[in-house]
């Protein structure tokens, strides 16, 4: 799911006063309730473009998500419609992990 209370996911994630949970769908289509940890602007030198990522923390353990972890997502822009996508690039994952660890 990419909307909470009728708001676009991008607006929610960039709203510093937002404390709403984020609801996403796992690989089985099950709703997962997440809380936002941080939003990270990142310059992708390989694609020569700025990207925006977020780190989310699940509120409950599920088949795919553990409350002991924080999960990164790309905030992807598809013609003005924003969606969260899994991050699969190892280099970007390492960089996001480094940013998260230095912010703790």
PDB file of N, CA and C in Angstrom:
ATOM      1  N   UNK A   1       0.847  -1.169   0.000  1.00  0.00           N
ATOM      2  CA  UNK A   1       0.000   0.000   0.000  1.00  0.00           C
ATOM      3  C   UNK A   1       0.888   1.225   0.000  1.00  0.00           C
ATOM      4  N   UNK A   2       0.485   2.213  -0.710  1.00  0.00           N
ATOM      5  CA  UNK A   2       1.312   3.394  -0.823  1.00  0.00           C
ATOM      6  C   UNK A   2       0.610   4.663  -0.380  1.00  0.00           C
ATOM      7  N   UNK A   3      -0.543   4.550   0.242  1.00  0.00           N
ATOM      8  CA  UNK A   3      -1.245   5.729   0.731  1.00  0.00           C
ATOM      9  C   UNK A   3      -1.686   5.474   2.161  1.00  0.00           C
ATOM     10  N   UNK A   4      -1.587   6.499   2.971  1.00  0.00           N
ATOM     11  CA  UNK A   4      -2.081   6.446   4.337  1.00  0.00           C
ATOM     12  C   UNK A   4      -3.000   7.638   4.509  1.00  0.00           C
ATOM     13  N   UNK A   5      -4.235   7.376   4.870  1.00  0.00           N
ATOM     14  CA  UNK A   5      -5.214   8.453   5.047  1.00  0.00           C
ATOM     15  C   UNK A   5      -5.291   9.350   3.813  1.00  0.00           C
ATOM     16  N   UNK A   6      -5.203   8.751   2.621  1.00  0.00           N
ATOM     17  CA  UNK A   6      -5.341   9.490   1.376  1.00  0.00           C
ATOM     18  C   UNK A   6      -4.107  10.279   0.964  1.00  0.00           C
ATOM     19  N   UNK A   7      -3.003  10.158   1.703  1.00  0.00           N
ATOM     20  CA  UNK A   7      -1.783  10.893   1.388  1.00  0.00           C
ATOM     21  C   UNK A   7      -0.814  10.002   0.640  1.00  0.00           C
ATOM     22  N   UNK A   8      -0.059  10.586  -0.259  1.00  0.00           N
ATOM     23  CA  UNK A   8       0.944   9.858  -1.023  1.00  0.00           C
ATOM     24  C   UNK A   8       2.099   9.468  -0.105  1.00  0.00           C
ATOM     25  N   UNK A   9       2.688   8.295  -0.332  1.00  0.00           N
ATOM     26  CA  UNK A   9       3.775   7.784   0.507  1.00  0.00           C
ATOM     27  C   UNK A   9       4.947   8.756   0.561  1.00  0.00           C
ATOM     28  N   UNK A  10       5.247   9.426  -0.528  1.00  0.00           N
ATOM     29  CA  UNK A  10       6.353  10.379  -0.564  1.00  0.00           C
ATOM     30  C   UNK A  10       6.116  11.526   0.417  1.00  0.00           C
ATOM     31  N   UNK A  11       4.892  12.072   0.414  1.00  0.00           N
ATOM     32  CA  UNK A  11       4.556  13.158   1.331  1.00  0.00           C
ATOM     33  C   UNK A  11       4.644  12.700   2.786  1.00  0.00           C
ATOM     34  N   UNK A  12       4.213  11.513   3.054  1.00  0.00           N
ATOM     35  CA  UNK A  12       4.241  10.976   4.420  1.00  0.00           C
ATOM     36  C   UNK A  12       5.674  10.821   4.897  1.00  0.00           C
ATOM     37  N   UNK A  13       6.518  10.227   4.074  1.00  0.00           N
ATOM     38  CA  UNK A  13       7.891   9.962   4.479  1.00  0.00           C
ATOM     39  C   UNK A  13       8.716  11.239   4.646  1.00  0.00           C
ATOM     40  N   UNK A  14       8.385  12.299   3.935  1.00  0.00           N
ATOM     41  CA  UNK A  14       9.132  13.551   4.043  1.00  0.00           C
ATOM     42  C   UNK A  14       8.556  14.517   5.073  1.00  0.00           C
ATOM     43  N   UNK A  15       7.416  14.180   5.640  1.00  0.00           N
ATOM     44  CA  UNK A  15       6.772  15.029   6.636  1.00  0.00           C
ATOM     45  C   UNK A  15       7.401  14.764   8.003  1.00  0.00           C
ATOM     46  N   UNK A  16       8.208  15.716   8.480  1.00  0.00           N
ATOM     47  CA  UNK A  16       8.922  15.531   9.751  1.00  0.00           C
ATOM     48  C   UNK A  16       7.985  15.399  10.941  1.00  0.00           C
ATOM     49  N   UNK A  17       6.778  15.908  10.843  1.00  0.00           N
ATOM     50  CA  UNK A  17       5.836  15.819  11.951  1.00  0.00           C
ATOM     51  C   UNK A  17       4.959  14.566  11.862  1.00  0.00           C
ATOM     52  N   UNK A  18       5.138  13.782  10.821  1.00  0.00           N
ATOM     53  CA  UNK A  18       4.318  12.594  10.639  1.00  0.00           C
ATOM     54  C   UNK A  18       4.710  11.511  11.639  1.00  0.00           C
ATOM     55  N   UNK A  19       3.723  10.938  12.286  1.00  0.00           N
ATOM     56  CA  UNK A  19       3.977   9.798  13.159  1.00  0.00           C
ATOM     57  C   UNK A  19       3.060   8.628  12.811  1.00  0.00           C
ATOM     58  N   UNK A  20       2.464   8.682  11.617  1.00  0.00           N
ATOM     59  CA  UNK A  20       1.591   7.603  11.153  1.00  0.00           C
ATOM     60  C   UNK A  20       2.403   6.378  10.784  1.00  0.00           C
ATOM     61  N   UNK A  21       1.824   5.223  11.011  1.00  0.00           N
ATOM     62  CA  UNK A  21       2.448   3.991  10.554  1.00  0.00           C
ATOM     63  C   UNK A  21       2.352   3.908   9.039  1.00  0.00           C
ATOM     64  N   UNK A  22       3.277   3.159   8.462  1.00  0.00           N
ATOM     65  CA  UNK A  22       3.284   2.895   7.027  1.00  0.00           C
ATOM     66  C   UNK A  22       2.837   1.450   6.852  1.00  0.00           C
ATOM     67  N   UNK A  23       1.899   1.213   5.970  1.00  0.00           N
ATOM     68  CA  UNK A  23       1.427  -0.141   5.716  1.00  0.00           C
ATOM     69  C   UNK A  23       1.929  -0.563   4.344  1.00  0.00           C
ATOM     70  N   UNK A  24       2.669  -1.667   4.316  1.00  0.00           N
ATOM     71  CA  UNK A  24       3.152  -2.204   3.042  1.00  0.00           C
ATOM     72  C   UNK A  24       2.600  -3.611   2.871  1.00  0.00           C
ATOM     73  N   UNK A  25       2.721  -4.134   1.676  1.00  0.00           N
ATOM     74  CA  UNK A  25       2.313  -5.512   1.403  1.00  0.00           C
ATOM     75  C   UNK A  25       3.554  -6.362   1.247  1.00  0.00           C
ATOM     76  N   UNK A  26       3.564  -7.538   1.899  1.00  0.00           N
ATOM     77  CA  UNK A  26       4.702  -8.442   1.734  1.00  0.00           C
ATOM     78  C   UNK A  26       4.529  -9.247   0.448  1.00  0.00           C
ATOM     79  N   UNK A  27       5.426 -10.182   0.214  1.00  0.00           N
ATOM     80  CA  UNK A  27       5.399 -10.978  -1.027  1.00  0.00           C
ATOM     81  C   UNK A  27       4.157 -11.839  -1.163  1.00  0.00           C
ATOM     82  N   UNK A  28       3.465 -12.083  -0.056  1.00  0.00           N
ATOM     83  CA  UNK A  28       2.238 -12.875  -0.077  1.00  0.00           C
ATOM     84  C   UNK A  28       0.985 -12.008  -0.101  1.00  0.00           C
ATOM     85  N   UNK A  29       1.165 -10.680  -0.177  1.00  0.00           N
ATOM     86  CA  UNK A  29       0.034  -9.765  -0.191  1.00  0.00           C
ATOM     87  C   UNK A  29      -0.501  -9.443   1.193  1.00  0.00           C
ATOM     88  N   UNK A  30       0.204  -9.848   2.242  1.00  0.00           N
ATOM     89  CA  UNK A  30      -0.221  -9.580   3.617  1.00  0.00           C
ATOM     90  C   UNK A  30       0.237  -8.184   4.038  1.00  0.00           C
ATOM     91  N   UNK A  31      -0.638  -7.453   4.732  1.00  0.00           N
ATOM     92  CA  UNK A  31      -0.294  -6.116   5.196  1.00  0.00           C
ATOM     93  C   UNK A  31       0.694  -6.191   6.360  1.00  0.00           C
ATOM     94  N   UNK A  32       1.731  -5.359   6.282  1.00  0.00           N
ATOM     95  CA  UNK A  32       2.744  -5.264   7.323  1.00  0.00           C
ATOM     96  C   UNK A  32       2.765  -3.816   7.818  1.00  0.00           C
ATOM     97  N   UNK A  33       2.650  -3.638   9.117  1.00  0.00           N
ATOM     98  CA  UNK A  33       2.678  -2.300   9.691  1.00  0.00           C
ATOM     99  C   UNK A  33       4.115  -1.957  10.057  1.00  0.00           C
ATOM    100  N   UNK A  34       4.579  -0.828   9.515  1.00  0.00           N
ATOM    101  CA  UNK A  34       5.955  -0.380   9.712  1.00  0.00           C
ATOM    102  C   UNK A  34       5.950   1.020  10.303  1.00  0.00           C
ATOM    103  N   UNK A  35       7.029   1.319  11.020  1.00  0.00           N
ATOM    104  CA  UNK A  35       7.248   2.681  11.459  1.00  0.00           C
ATOM    105  C   UNK A  35       8.481   3.208  10.736  1.00  0.00           C
ATOM    106  N   UNK A  36       8.450   4.493  10.440  1.00  0.00           N
ATOM    107  CA  UNK A  36       9.559   5.114   9.724  1.00  0.00           C
ATOM    108  C   UNK A  36      10.719   5.379  10.672  1.00  0.00           C
ATOM    109  N   UNK A  37      11.913   4.984  10.250  1.00  0.00           N
ATOM    110  CA  UNK A  37      13.124   5.245  11.016  1.00  0.00           C
ATOM    111  C   UNK A  37      13.799   6.502  10.473  1.00  0.00           C
ATOM    112  N   UNK A  38      14.015   6.544   9.169  1.00  0.00           N
ATOM    113  CA  UNK A  38      14.623   7.721   8.543  1.00  0.00           C
ATOM    114  C   UNK A  38      14.422   7.692   7.038  1.00  0.00           C
ATOM    115  N   UNK A  39      14.560   8.871   6.448  1.00  0.00           N
ATOM    116  CA  UNK A  39      14.542   9.033   4.999  1.00  0.00           C
ATOM    117  C   UNK A  39      15.935   9.522   4.610  1.00  0.00           C
ATOM    118  N   UNK A  40      16.493   8.929   3.534  1.00  0.00           N
ATOM    119  CA  UNK A  40      17.872   9.202   3.166  1.00  0.00           C
ATOM    120  C   UNK A  40      17.966   9.617   1.695  1.00  0.00           C
ATOM    121  N   UNK A  41      18.326  10.871   1.421  1.00  0.00           N
ATOM    122  CA  UNK A  41      18.625  11.241   0.040  1.00  0.00           C
ATOM    123  C   UNK A  41      19.985  10.653  -0.328  1.00  0.00           C
ATOM    124  N   UNK A  42      20.105  10.172  -1.556  1.00  0.00           N
ATOM    125  CA  UNK A  42      21.331   9.475  -1.953  1.00  0.00           C
ATOM    126  C   UNK A  42      21.599   9.734  -3.429  1.00  0.00           C
ATOM    127  N   UNK A  43      22.836  10.103  -3.735  1.00  0.00           N
ATOM    128  CA  UNK A  43      23.220  10.284  -5.128  1.00  0.00           C
ATOM    129  C   UNK A  43      23.758   8.959  -5.657  1.00  0.00           C
ATOM    130  N   UNK A  44      23.102   8.406  -6.667  1.00  0.00           N
ATOM    131  CA  UNK A  44      23.514   7.155  -7.290  1.00  0.00           C
ATOM    132  C   UNK A  44      24.459   7.496  -8.438  1.00  0.00           C
ATOM    133  N   UNK A  45      25.748   7.352  -8.182  1.00  0.00           N
ATOM    134  CA  UNK A  45      26.745   7.740  -9.191  1.00  0.00           C
ATOM    135  C   UNK A  45      26.714   6.843 -10.421  1.00  0.00           C
ATOM    136  N   UNK A  46      26.254   5.615 -10.284  1.00  0.00           N
ATOM    137  CA  UNK A  46      26.209   4.700 -11.433  1.00  0.00           C
ATOM    138  C   UNK A  46      25.118   5.091 -12.416  1.00  0.00           C
ATOM    139  N   UNK A  47      24.025   5.599 -11.899  1.00  0.00           N
ATOM    140  CA  UNK A  47      22.928   6.026 -12.766  1.00  0.00           C
ATOM    141  C   UNK A  47      22.892   7.544 -12.920  1.00  0.00           C
ATOM    142  N   UNK A  48      23.841   8.244 -12.272  1.00  0.00           N
ATOM    143  CA  UNK A  48      23.947   9.692 -12.328  1.00  0.00           C
ATOM    144  C   UNK A  48      22.599  10.362 -12.024  1.00  0.00           C
ATOM    145  N   UNK A  49      22.015   9.970 -10.875  1.00  0.00           N
ATOM    146  CA  UNK A  49      20.752  10.594 -10.474  1.00  0.00           C
ATOM    147  C   UNK A  49      20.604  10.543  -8.958  1.00  0.00           C
ATOM    148  N   UNK A  50      19.825  11.494  -8.468  1.00  0.00           N
ATOM    149  CA  UNK A  50      19.496  11.519  -7.051  1.00  0.00           C
ATOM    150  C   UNK A  50      18.343  10.559  -6.799  1.00  0.00           C
ATOM    151  N   UNK A  51      18.455   9.834  -5.707  1.00  0.00           N
ATOM    152  CA  UNK A  51      17.396   8.907  -5.322  1.00  0.00           C
ATOM    153  C   UNK A  51      17.052   9.151  -3.863  1.00  0.00           C
ATOM    154  N   UNK A  52      15.886   8.678  -3.462  1.00  0.00           N
ATOM    155  CA  UNK A  52      15.449   8.815  -2.084  1.00  0.00           C
ATOM    156  C   UNK A  52      15.129   7.414  -1.548  1.00  0.00           C
ATOM    157  N   UNK A  53      15.679   7.138  -0.374  1.00  0.00           N
ATOM    158  CA  UNK A  53      15.460   5.856   0.285  1.00  0.00           C
ATOM    159  C   UNK A  53      14.838   6.102   1.646  1.00  0.00           C
ATOM    160  N   UNK A  54      14.209   5.078   2.186  1.00  0.00           N
ATOM    161  CA  UNK A  54      13.709   5.160   3.550  1.00  0.00           C
ATOM    162  C   UNK A  54      14.052   3.866   4.268  1.00  0.00           C
ATOM    163  N   UNK A  55      14.179   3.971   5.569  1.00  0.00           N
ATOM    164  CA  UNK A  55      14.382   2.806   6.424  1.00  0.00           C
ATOM    165  C   UNK A  55      13.127   2.643   7.259  1.00  0.00           C
ATOM    166  N   UNK A  56      12.574   1.445   7.224  1.00  0.00           N
ATOM    167  CA  UNK A  56      11.353   1.143   7.958  1.00  0.00           C
ATOM    168  C   UNK A  56      11.590   0.000   8.931  1.00  0.00           C
ATOM    169  N   UNK A  57      10.890   0.064  10.059  1.00  0.00           N
ATOM    170  CA  UNK A  57      11.002  -0.962  11.099  1.00  0.00           C
ATOM    171  C   UNK A  57       9.627  -1.602  11.292  1.00  0.00           C
ATOM    172  N   UNK A  58       9.536  -2.947  11.149  1.00  0.00           N
ATOM    173  CA  UNK A  58       8.242  -3.607  11.332  1.00  0.00           C
ATOM    174  C   UNK A  58       7.821  -3.606  12.797  1.00  0.00           C
ATOM    175  N   UNK A  59       6.541  -3.472  13.027  1.00  0.00           N
ATOM    176  CA  UNK A  59       6.017  -3.483  14.396  1.00  0.00           C
ATOM    177  C   UNK A  59       5.757  -4.898  14.899  1.00  0.00           C
ATOM    178  N   UNK A  60       5.657  -5.859  13.967  1.00  0.00           N
ATOM    179  CA  UNK A  60       5.427  -7.254  14.333  1.00  0.00           C
ATOM    180  C   UNK A  60       6.303  -8.159  13.477  1.00  0.00           C
ATOM    181  N   UNK A  61       6.676  -9.300  14.025  1.00  0.00           N
ATOM    182  CA  UNK A  61       7.399 -10.298  13.237  1.00  0.00           C
ATOM    183  C   UNK A  61       6.454 -10.934  12.222  1.00  0.00           C
ATOM    184  N   UNK A  62       6.970 -11.164  11.034  1.00  0.00           N
ATOM    185  CA  UNK A  62       6.202 -11.838   9.990  1.00  0.00           C
ATOM    186  C   UNK A  62       7.115 -12.847   9.305  1.00  0.00           C
ATOM    187  N   UNK A  63       6.583 -13.497   8.306  1.00  0.00           N
ATOM    188  CA  UNK A  63       7.359 -14.465   7.531  1.00  0.00           C
ATOM    189  C   UNK A  63       8.589 -13.819   6.893  1.00  0.00           C
ATOM    190  N   UNK A  64       8.471 -12.563   6.467  1.00  0.00           N
ATOM    191  CA  UNK A  64       9.546 -11.888   5.733  1.00  0.00           C
ATOM    192  C   UNK A  64      10.264 -10.802   6.532  1.00  0.00           C
ATOM    193  N   UNK A  65       9.672 -10.337   7.620  1.00  0.00           N
ATOM    194  CA  UNK A  65      10.222  -9.210   8.359  1.00  0.00           C
ATOM    195  C   UNK A  65      10.348  -9.529   9.841  1.00  0.00           C
ATOM    196  N   UNK A  66      11.453  -9.076  10.438  1.00  0.00           N
ATOM    197  CA  UNK A  66      11.710  -9.287  11.859  1.00  0.00           C
ATOM    198  C   UNK A  66      11.770  -7.936  12.569  1.00  0.00           C
ATOM    199  N   UNK A  67      11.220  -7.877  13.780  1.00  0.00           N
ATOM    200  CA  UNK A  67      11.277  -6.637  14.558  1.00  0.00           C
ATOM    201  C   UNK A  67      12.702  -6.325  14.997  1.00  0.00           C
ATOM    202  N   UNK A  68      13.616  -7.254  14.813  1.00  0.00           N
ATOM    203  CA  UNK A  68      15.022  -7.034  15.165  1.00  0.00           C
ATOM    204  C   UNK A  68      15.799  -6.326  14.069  1.00  0.00           C
ATOM    205  N   UNK A  69      15.162  -6.037  12.938  1.00  0.00           N
ATOM    206  CA  UNK A  69      15.848  -5.442  11.794  1.00  0.00           C
ATOM    207  C   UNK A  69      15.159  -4.171  11.320  1.00  0.00           C
ATOM    208  N   UNK A  70      15.906  -3.394  10.567  1.00  0.00           N
ATOM    209  CA  UNK A  70      15.395  -2.224   9.860  1.00  0.00           C
ATOM    210  C   UNK A  70      15.567  -2.529   8.380  1.00  0.00           C
ATOM    211  N   UNK A  71      14.578  -2.170   7.565  1.00  0.00           N
ATOM    212  CA  UNK A  71      14.577  -2.548   6.149  1.00  0.00           C
ATOM    213  C   UNK A  71      14.613  -1.314   5.246  1.00  0.00           C
ATOM    214  N   UNK A  72      15.514  -1.322   4.260  1.00  0.00           N
ATOM    215  CA  UNK A  72      15.614  -0.190   3.333  1.00  0.00           C
ATOM    216  C   UNK A  72      14.682  -0.370   2.135  1.00  0.00           C
ATOM    217  N   UNK A  73      14.147   0.750   1.679  1.00  0.00           N
ATOM    218  CA  UNK A  73      13.305   0.765   0.489  1.00  0.00           C
ATOM    219  C   UNK A  73      13.669   1.978  -0.353  1.00  0.00           C
ATOM    220  N   UNK A  74      13.629   1.804  -1.663  1.00  0.00           N
ATOM    221  CA  UNK A  74      13.760   2.909  -2.597  1.00  0.00           C
ATOM    222  C   UNK A  74      12.378   3.545  -2.725  1.00  0.00           C
ATOM    223  N   UNK A  75      12.333   4.874  -2.643  1.00  0.00           N
ATOM    224  CA  UNK A  75      11.081   5.583  -2.906  1.00  0.00           C
ATOM    225  C   UNK A  75      11.105   5.905  -4.392  1.00  0.00           C
ATOM    226  N   UNK A  76      10.469   5.064  -5.172  1.00  0.00           N
ATOM    227  CA  UNK A  76      10.544   5.160  -6.632  1.00  0.00           C
ATOM    228  C   UNK A  76       9.424   6.036  -7.184  1.00  0.00           C
ATOM    229  N   UNK A  77       9.793   6.895  -8.117  1.00  0.00           N
ATOM    230  CA  UNK A  77       8.844   7.777  -8.774  1.00  0.00           C
ATOM    231  C   UNK A  77       8.485   7.183 -10.128  1.00  0.00           C
ATOM    232  N   UNK A  78       7.220   6.817 -10.276  1.00  0.00           N
ATOM    233  CA  UNK A  78       6.716   6.283 -11.543  1.00  0.00           C
ATOM    234  C   UNK A  78       5.708   7.287 -12.108  1.00  0.00           C
ATOM    235  N   UNK A  79       6.241   8.248 -12.885  1.00  0.00           N
ATOM    236  CA  UNK A  79       5.406   9.284 -13.502  1.00  0.00           C
ATOM    237  C   UNK A  79       4.565  10.035 -12.476  1.00  0.00           C
ATOM    238  N   UNK A  80       5.197  10.446 -11.383  1.00  0.00           N
ATOM    239  CA  UNK A  80       4.504  11.217 -10.356  1.00  0.00           C
ATOM    240  C   UNK A  80       3.804  10.387  -9.303  1.00  0.00           C
ATOM    241  N   UNK A  81       3.808   9.077  -9.447  1.00  0.00           N
ATOM    242  CA  UNK A  81       3.217   8.180  -8.459  1.00  0.00           C
ATOM    243  C   UNK A  81       4.360   7.473  -7.736  1.00  0.00           C
ATOM    244  N   UNK A  82       4.411   7.595  -6.428  1.00  0.00           N
ATOM    245  CA  UNK A  82       5.524   7.050  -5.659  1.00  0.00           C
ATOM    246  C   UNK A  82       5.176   5.691  -5.065  1.00  0.00           C
ATOM    247  N   UNK A  83       6.145   4.786  -5.130  1.00  0.00           N
ATOM    248  CA  UNK A  83       6.001   3.448  -4.569  1.00  0.00           C
ATOM    249  C   UNK A  83       7.286   3.061  -3.857  1.00  0.00           C
ATOM    250  N   UNK A  84       7.165   2.178  -2.881  1.00  0.00           N
ATOM    251  CA  UNK A  84       8.336   1.642  -2.205  1.00  0.00           C
ATOM    252  C   UNK A  84       8.775   0.379  -2.925  1.00  0.00           C
ATOM    253  N   UNK A  85      10.075   0.303  -3.194  1.00  0.00           N
ATOM    254  CA  UNK A  85      10.634  -0.873  -3.869  1.00  0.00           C
ATOM    255  C   UNK A  85      11.779  -1.428  -3.039  1.00  0.00           C
ATOM    256  N   UNK A  86      11.942  -2.740  -3.075  1.00  0.00           N
ATOM    257  CA  UNK A  86      13.058  -3.379  -2.377  1.00  0.00           C
ATOM    258  C   UNK A  86      14.377  -2.892  -2.961  1.00  0.00           C
ATOM    259  N   UNK A  87      15.380  -2.790  -2.106  1.00  0.00           N
ATOM    260  CA  UNK A  87      16.723  -2.418  -2.538  1.00  0.00           C
ATOM    261  C   UNK A  87      17.513  -3.710  -2.719  1.00  0.00           C
ATOM    262  N   UNK A  88      18.033  -3.929  -3.920  1.00  0.00           N
ATOM    263  CA  UNK A  88      18.756  -5.170  -4.208  1.00  0.00           C
ATOM    264  C   UNK A  88      20.232  -4.944  -4.509  1.00  0.00           C
ATOM    265  N   UNK A  89      20.621  -3.720  -4.776  1.00  0.00           N
ATOM    266  CA  UNK A  89      22.013  -3.406  -5.096  1.00  0.00           C
ATOM    267  C   UNK A  89      22.845  -3.456  -3.814  1.00  0.00           C
ATOM    268  N   UNK A  90      23.830  -4.364  -3.766  1.00  0.00           N
ATOM    269  CA  UNK A  90      24.642  -4.574  -2.561  1.00  0.00           C
ATOM    270  C   UNK A  90      25.419  -3.321  -2.151  1.00  0.00           C
ATOM    271  N   UNK A  91      25.930  -2.592  -3.119  1.00  0.00           N
ATOM    272  CA  UNK A  91      26.696  -1.390  -2.800  1.00  0.00           C
ATOM    273  C   UNK A  91      25.806  -0.337  -2.138  1.00  0.00           C
ATOM    274  N   UNK A  92      24.611  -0.154  -2.665  1.00  0.00           N
ATOM    275  CA  UNK A  92      23.678   0.801  -2.070  1.00  0.00           C
ATOM    276  C   UNK A  92      23.242   0.317  -0.687  1.00  0.00           C
ATOM    277  N   UNK A  93      22.986  -0.982  -0.555  1.00  0.00           N
ATOM    278  CA  UNK A  93      22.627  -1.536   0.759  1.00  0.00           C
ATOM    279  C   UNK A  93      23.724  -1.270   1.789  1.00  0.00           C
ATOM    280  N   UNK A  94      24.972  -1.466   1.387  1.00  0.00           N
ATOM    281  CA  UNK A  94      26.098  -1.211   2.293  1.00  0.00           C
ATOM    282  C   UNK A  94      26.177   0.261   2.674  1.00  0.00           C
ATOM    283  N   UNK A  95      25.974   1.139   1.720  1.00  0.00           N
ATOM    284  CA  UNK A  95      26.026   2.576   1.999  1.00  0.00           C
ATOM    285  C   UNK A  95      24.882   2.990   2.930  1.00  0.00           C
ATOM    286  N   UNK A  96      23.674   2.485   2.688  1.00  0.00           N
ATOM    287  CA  UNK A  96      22.542   2.807   3.556  1.00  0.00           C
ATOM    288  C   UNK A  96      22.775   2.275   4.969  1.00  0.00           C
ATOM    289  N   UNK A  97      23.344   1.083   5.065  1.00  0.00           N
ATOM    290  CA  UNK A  97      23.660   0.510   6.371  1.00  0.00           C
ATOM    291  C   UNK A  97      24.682   1.379   7.105  1.00  0.00           C
ATOM    292  N   UNK A  98      25.688   1.848   6.390  1.00  0.00           N
ATOM    293  CA  UNK A  98      26.701   2.725   6.973  1.00  0.00           C
ATOM    294  C   UNK A  98      26.063   4.028   7.480  1.00  0.00           C
ATOM    295  N   UNK A  99      25.209   4.618   6.683  1.00  0.00           N
ATOM    296  CA  UNK A  99      24.520   5.854   7.090  1.00  0.00           C
ATOM    297  C   UNK A  99      23.690   5.591   8.345  1.00  0.00           C
ATOM    298  N   UNK A 100      22.954   4.497   8.371  1.00  0.00           N
ATOM    299  CA  UNK A 100      22.117   4.160   9.523  1.00  0.00           C
ATOM    300  C   UNK A 100      22.968   3.972  10.780  1.00  0.00           C
ATOM    301  N   UNK A 101      24.068   3.258  10.662  1.00  0.00           N
ATOM    302  CA  UNK A 101      24.912   2.993  11.820  1.00  0.00           C
ATOM    303  C   UNK A 101      25.544   4.273  12.367  1.00  0.00           C
ATOM    304  N   UNK A 102      25.890   5.209  11.495  1.00  0.00           N
ATOM    305  CA  UNK A 102      26.494   6.455  11.972  1.00  0.00           C
ATOM    306  C   UNK A 102      25.446   7.377  12.593  1.00  0.00           C
ATOM    307  N   UNK A 103      24.179   7.184  12.286  1.00  0.00           N
ATOM    308  CA  UNK A 103      23.114   8.016  12.843  1.00  0.00           C
ATOM    309  C   UNK A 103      22.606   7.500  14.181  1.00  0.00           C
ATOM    310  N   UNK A 104      22.901   6.256  14.516  1.00  0.00           N
ATOM    311  CA  UNK A 104      22.409   5.683  15.773  1.00  0.00           C
ATOM    312  C   UNK A 104      23.044   6.313  16.970  1.00  0.00           C
TER     313      UNK A 104
END
